[in-house]
């Protein structure tokens, strides 16, 4: 049975994810062998910090952002399944920060998977955000989609 997660718990996870993403991209930037890759990792690091601050604001002001009266059901189970994957990925991020990647392609592939999971999680979280606050979350989702494209383009350039 999958653990159930409340929208507030998802926000806590999102804050931690963005912090870990920042740490990952910072480590990758410092190890980068070429300027283009280093610039992308540095840019992504800055974006992760901006996202972390936004999620922290949402977490600190949950009553302004979250819908608390909802019917548990399939969507909540879906959110729990994604959150479980997200938490697993955070362990991998910490592992790769300490052990390093074998090559740039491995780092880019991992970055791509992190961005995909972020998009899925934040899209699922939309169900629990008040309609007048959706623009904040939608902006983060669009930026994560942009990061995914940038990583895929970098992978194409390097291969």
C-alpha atoms as a PDB file:
ATOM      1  CA  UNK A   1       0.000   0.000   0.000  1.00  0.00           C
ATOM      2  CA  UNK A   2       1.342   3.387  -0.984  1.00  0.00           C
ATOM      3  CA  UNK A   3       1.718   6.015   1.687  1.00  0.00           C
ATOM      4  CA  UNK A   4      -0.729   8.901   1.398  1.00  0.00           C
ATOM      5  CA  UNK A   5       0.697  12.399   1.239  1.00  0.00           C
ATOM      6  CA  UNK A   6      -1.092  15.628   2.018  1.00  0.00           C
ATOM      7  CA  UNK A   7      -0.558  18.656  -0.227  1.00  0.00           C
ATOM      8  CA  UNK A   8       1.434  20.263   2.616  1.00  0.00           C
ATOM      9  CA  UNK A   9       3.740  17.248   2.745  1.00  0.00           C
ATOM     10  CA  UNK A  10       4.216  17.489  -1.012  1.00  0.00           C
ATOM     11  CA  UNK A  11       5.236  21.129  -0.583  1.00  0.00           C
ATOM     12  CA  UNK A  12       7.796  20.075   2.042  1.00  0.00           C
ATOM     13  CA  UNK A  13       9.126  17.475  -0.385  1.00  0.00           C
ATOM     14  CA  UNK A  14       9.239  20.098  -3.156  1.00  0.00           C
ATOM     15  CA  UNK A  15      11.320  22.438  -0.974  1.00  0.00           C
ATOM     16  CA  UNK A  16      13.782  19.626  -0.271  1.00  0.00           C
ATOM     17  CA  UNK A  17      13.850  18.530  -3.913  1.00  0.00           C
ATOM     18  CA  UNK A  18      14.712  21.999  -5.118  1.00  0.00           C
ATOM     19  CA  UNK A  19      17.429  22.313  -2.448  1.00  0.00           C
ATOM     20  CA  UNK A  20      18.927  18.977  -3.484  1.00  0.00           C
ATOM     21  CA  UNK A  21      18.658  19.947  -7.145  1.00  0.00           C
ATOM     22  CA  UNK A  22      20.554  23.154  -6.430  1.00  0.00           C
ATOM     23  CA  UNK A  23      23.279  21.171  -4.635  1.00  0.00           C
ATOM     24  CA  UNK A  24      23.478  18.703  -7.514  1.00  0.00           C
ATOM     25  CA  UNK A  25      23.734  21.360 -10.221  1.00  0.00           C
ATOM     26  CA  UNK A  26      26.286  23.283  -8.162  1.00  0.00           C
ATOM     27  CA  UNK A  27      28.470  20.166  -7.891  1.00  0.00           C
ATOM     28  CA  UNK A  28      28.097  19.480 -11.611  1.00  0.00           C
ATOM     29  CA  UNK A  29      29.021  23.071 -12.504  1.00  0.00           C
ATOM     30  CA  UNK A  30      32.194  22.885 -10.430  1.00  0.00           C
ATOM     31  CA  UNK A  31      33.247  19.651 -12.165  1.00  0.00           C
ATOM     32  CA  UNK A  32      32.271  20.626 -15.690  1.00  0.00           C
ATOM     33  CA  UNK A  33      34.934  20.295 -18.368  1.00  0.00           C
ATOM     34  CA  UNK A  34      33.477  22.731 -20.896  1.00  0.00           C
ATOM     35  CA  UNK A  35      32.039  26.225 -20.628  1.00  0.00           C
ATOM     36  CA  UNK A  36      28.653  25.524 -22.241  1.00  0.00           C
ATOM     37  CA  UNK A  37      27.894  22.683 -19.848  1.00  0.00           C
ATOM     38  CA  UNK A  38      29.122  24.687 -16.853  1.00  0.00           C
ATOM     39  CA  UNK A  39      26.873  27.612 -17.813  1.00  0.00           C
ATOM     40  CA  UNK A  40      23.817  25.353 -18.048  1.00  0.00           C
ATOM     41  CA  UNK A  41      24.515  23.707 -14.686  1.00  0.00           C
ATOM     42  CA  UNK A  42      25.016  27.156 -13.081  1.00  0.00           C
ATOM     43  CA  UNK A  43      21.792  28.450 -14.613  1.00  0.00           C
ATOM     44  CA  UNK A  44      19.862  25.391 -13.400  1.00  0.00           C
ATOM     45  CA  UNK A  45      21.362  25.818  -9.913  1.00  0.00           C
ATOM     46  CA  UNK A  46      20.048  29.398  -9.767  1.00  0.00           C
ATOM     47  CA  UNK A  47      16.617  28.298 -10.996  1.00  0.00           C
ATOM     48  CA  UNK A  48      16.396  25.578  -8.364  1.00  0.00           C
ATOM     49  CA  UNK A  49      17.021  28.164  -5.628  1.00  0.00           C
ATOM     50  CA  UNK A  50      14.278  30.413  -7.024  1.00  0.00           C
ATOM     51  CA  UNK A  51      11.883  27.452  -7.082  1.00  0.00           C
ATOM     52  CA  UNK A  52      12.863  26.443  -3.547  1.00  0.00           C
ATOM     53  CA  UNK A  53      12.047  29.948  -2.324  1.00  0.00           C
ATOM     54  CA  UNK A  54       8.650  29.869  -4.069  1.00  0.00           C
ATOM     55  CA  UNK A  55       7.759  26.461  -2.616  1.00  0.00           C
ATOM     56  CA  UNK A  56       8.906  27.628   0.824  1.00  0.00           C
ATOM     57  CA  UNK A  57       6.596  30.641   0.517  1.00  0.00           C
ATOM     58  CA  UNK A  58       3.731  28.330  -0.446  1.00  0.00           C
ATOM     59  CA  UNK A  59       4.553  26.049   2.483  1.00  0.00           C
ATOM     60  CA  UNK A  60       4.766  28.952   4.935  1.00  0.00           C
ATOM     61  CA  UNK A  61       1.413  30.284   3.713  1.00  0.00           C
ATOM     62  CA  UNK A  62      -0.463  27.033   3.074  1.00  0.00           C
ATOM     63  CA  UNK A  63      -3.862  28.517   3.931  1.00  0.00           C
ATOM     64  CA  UNK A  64      -3.404  30.992   1.065  1.00  0.00           C
ATOM     65  CA  UNK A  65      -2.316  28.378  -1.488  1.00  0.00           C
ATOM     66  CA  UNK A  66      -3.779  24.980  -0.676  1.00  0.00           C
ATOM     67  CA  UNK A  67      -7.223  23.490  -0.895  1.00  0.00           C
ATOM     68  CA  UNK A  68      -7.673  21.487   2.288  1.00  0.00           C
ATOM     69  CA  UNK A  69     -11.137  20.126   1.681  1.00  0.00           C
ATOM     70  CA  UNK A  70     -10.909  17.540  -1.035  1.00  0.00           C
ATOM     71  CA  UNK A  71     -12.052  14.015  -1.581  1.00  0.00           C
ATOM     72  CA  UNK A  72      -9.287  11.464  -1.157  1.00  0.00           C
ATOM     73  CA  UNK A  73      -9.202   9.009  -3.982  1.00  0.00           C
ATOM     74  CA  UNK A  74      -7.321   8.033  -7.081  1.00  0.00           C
ATOM     75  CA  UNK A  75      -5.644  11.402  -7.522  1.00  0.00           C
ATOM     76  CA  UNK A  76      -4.285  11.313  -3.991  1.00  0.00           C
ATOM     77  CA  UNK A  77      -2.962   7.774  -4.576  1.00  0.00           C
ATOM     78  CA  UNK A  78      -1.312   9.027  -7.781  1.00  0.00           C
ATOM     79  CA  UNK A  79       0.237  11.921  -5.870  1.00  0.00           C
ATOM     80  CA  UNK A  80       1.526   9.460  -3.274  1.00  0.00           C
ATOM     81  CA  UNK A  81       3.065   7.238  -5.938  1.00  0.00           C
ATOM     82  CA  UNK A  82       4.863  10.192  -7.496  1.00  0.00           C
ATOM     83  CA  UNK A  83       5.983  11.495  -4.100  1.00  0.00           C
ATOM     84  CA  UNK A  84       7.475   8.089  -3.285  1.00  0.00           C
ATOM     85  CA  UNK A  85       9.463   8.189  -6.529  1.00  0.00           C
ATOM     86  CA  UNK A  86      10.513  11.737  -5.764  1.00  0.00           C
ATOM     87  CA  UNK A  87      11.805  10.786  -2.320  1.00  0.00           C
ATOM     88  CA  UNK A  88      13.731   7.855  -3.829  1.00  0.00           C
ATOM     89  CA  UNK A  89      15.286  10.218  -6.385  1.00  0.00           C
ATOM     90  CA  UNK A  90      16.440  12.544  -3.605  1.00  0.00           C
ATOM     91  CA  UNK A  91      18.526   9.717  -2.174  1.00  0.00           C
ATOM     92  CA  UNK A  92      20.097   9.225  -5.595  1.00  0.00           C
ATOM     93  CA  UNK A  93      20.903  12.942  -5.840  1.00  0.00           C
ATOM     94  CA  UNK A  94      22.752  12.834  -2.528  1.00  0.00           C
ATOM     95  CA  UNK A  95      24.581   9.688  -3.656  1.00  0.00           C
ATOM     96  CA  UNK A  96      25.682  11.231  -6.948  1.00  0.00           C
ATOM     97  CA  UNK A  97      26.798  14.455  -5.265  1.00  0.00           C
ATOM     98  CA  UNK A  98      29.147  12.432  -3.051  1.00  0.00           C
ATOM     99  CA  UNK A  99      30.259   9.798  -5.586  1.00  0.00           C
ATOM    100  CA  UNK A 100      30.155  11.831  -8.812  1.00  0.00           C
ATOM    101  CA  UNK A 101      29.034  10.782 -12.263  1.00  0.00           C
ATOM    102  CA  UNK A 102      31.185   8.745 -14.620  1.00  0.00           C
ATOM    103  CA  UNK A 103      30.714  11.208 -17.495  1.00  0.00           C
ATOM    104  CA  UNK A 104      28.690  14.217 -18.689  1.00  0.00           C
ATOM    105  CA  UNK A 105      26.097  12.086 -20.462  1.00  0.00           C
ATOM    106  CA  UNK A 106      25.326  10.191 -17.256  1.00  0.00           C
ATOM    107  CA  UNK A 107      24.916  13.511 -15.407  1.00  0.00           C
ATOM    108  CA  UNK A 108      22.669  14.913 -18.146  1.00  0.00           C
ATOM    109  CA  UNK A 109      20.521  11.761 -18.216  1.00  0.00           C
ATOM    110  CA  UNK A 110      20.091  11.986 -14.458  1.00  0.00           C
ATOM    111  CA  UNK A 111      19.192  15.675 -14.724  1.00  0.00           C
ATOM    112  CA  UNK A 112      16.596  14.797 -17.368  1.00  0.00           C
ATOM    113  CA  UNK A 113      15.007  12.192 -15.085  1.00  0.00           C
ATOM    114  CA  UNK A 114      14.910  14.647 -12.158  1.00  0.00           C
ATOM    115  CA  UNK A 115      13.205  17.288 -14.313  1.00  0.00           C
ATOM    116  CA  UNK A 116      10.639  14.751 -15.561  1.00  0.00           C
ATOM    117  CA  UNK A 117       9.757  13.684 -12.025  1.00  0.00           C
ATOM    118  CA  UNK A 118       9.502  17.344 -10.989  1.00  0.00           C
ATOM    119  CA  UNK A 119       7.073  18.064 -13.822  1.00  0.00           C
ATOM    120  CA  UNK A 120       4.913  15.053 -12.916  1.00  0.00           C
ATOM    121  CA  UNK A 121       4.848  15.931  -9.226  1.00  0.00           C
ATOM    122  CA  UNK A 122       4.098  19.612  -9.665  1.00  0.00           C
ATOM    123  CA  UNK A 123       1.415  18.849 -12.247  1.00  0.00           C
ATOM    124  CA  UNK A 124      -0.260  16.459  -9.788  1.00  0.00           C
ATOM    125  CA  UNK A 125      -0.012  19.103  -7.053  1.00  0.00           C
ATOM    126  CA  UNK A 126      -2.107  21.471  -9.223  1.00  0.00           C
ATOM    127  CA  UNK A 127      -5.250  19.663  -8.024  1.00  0.00           C
ATOM    128  CA  UNK A 128      -4.649  21.007  -4.514  1.00  0.00           C
ATOM    129  CA  UNK A 129      -3.721  24.604  -5.311  1.00  0.00           C
ATOM    130  CA  UNK A 130      -6.323  27.349  -5.109  1.00  0.00           C
ATOM    131  CA  UNK A 131      -7.291  28.548  -8.567  1.00  0.00           C
ATOM    132  CA  UNK A 132      -6.169  32.124  -7.954  1.00  0.00           C
ATOM    133  CA  UNK A 133      -2.680  30.837  -7.019  1.00  0.00           C
ATOM    134  CA  UNK A 134      -2.195  28.362  -9.888  1.00  0.00           C
ATOM    135  CA  UNK A 135      -0.124  30.843 -11.901  1.00  0.00           C
ATOM    136  CA  UNK A 136       2.731  30.497  -9.389  1.00  0.00           C
ATOM    137  CA  UNK A 137       2.867  26.724  -9.749  1.00  0.00           C
ATOM    138  CA  UNK A 138       2.274  26.831 -13.503  1.00  0.00           C
ATOM    139  CA  UNK A 139       5.283  29.137 -13.871  1.00  0.00           C
ATOM    140  CA  UNK A 140       7.483  26.610 -12.066  1.00  0.00           C
ATOM    141  CA  UNK A 141       6.143  23.777 -14.234  1.00  0.00           C
ATOM    142  CA  UNK A 142       6.910  25.750 -17.415  1.00  0.00           C
ATOM    143  CA  UNK A 143      10.433  26.453 -16.164  1.00  0.00           C
ATOM    144  CA  UNK A 144      10.978  22.761 -15.376  1.00  0.00           C
ATOM    145  CA  UNK A 145       9.802  21.919 -18.904  1.00  0.00           C
ATOM    146  CA  UNK A 146      12.290  24.461 -20.260  1.00  0.00           C
ATOM    147  CA  UNK A 147      15.070  22.848 -18.186  1.00  0.00           C
ATOM    148  CA  UNK A 148      14.160  19.455 -19.624  1.00  0.00           C
ATOM    149  CA  UNK A 149      14.480  20.813 -23.178  1.00  0.00           C
ATOM    150  CA  UNK A 150      17.793  22.507 -22.350  1.00  0.00           C
ATOM    151  CA  UNK A 151      19.220  19.280 -20.957  1.00  0.00           C
ATOM    152  CA  UNK A 152      18.031  17.288 -23.964  1.00  0.00           C
ATOM    153  CA  UNK A 153      19.579  19.882 -26.304  1.00  0.00           C
ATOM    154  CA  UNK A 154      22.868  19.753 -24.392  1.00  0.00           C
ATOM    155  CA  UNK A 155      22.890  15.967 -24.616  1.00  0.00           C
ATOM    156  CA  UNK A 156      22.314  16.201 -28.370  1.00  0.00           C
ATOM    157  CA  UNK A 157      25.187  18.692 -28.741  1.00  0.00           C
ATOM    158  CA  UNK A 158      27.583  16.544 -26.723  1.00  0.00           C
ATOM    159  CA  UNK A 159      26.796  13.295 -28.585  1.00  0.00           C
END
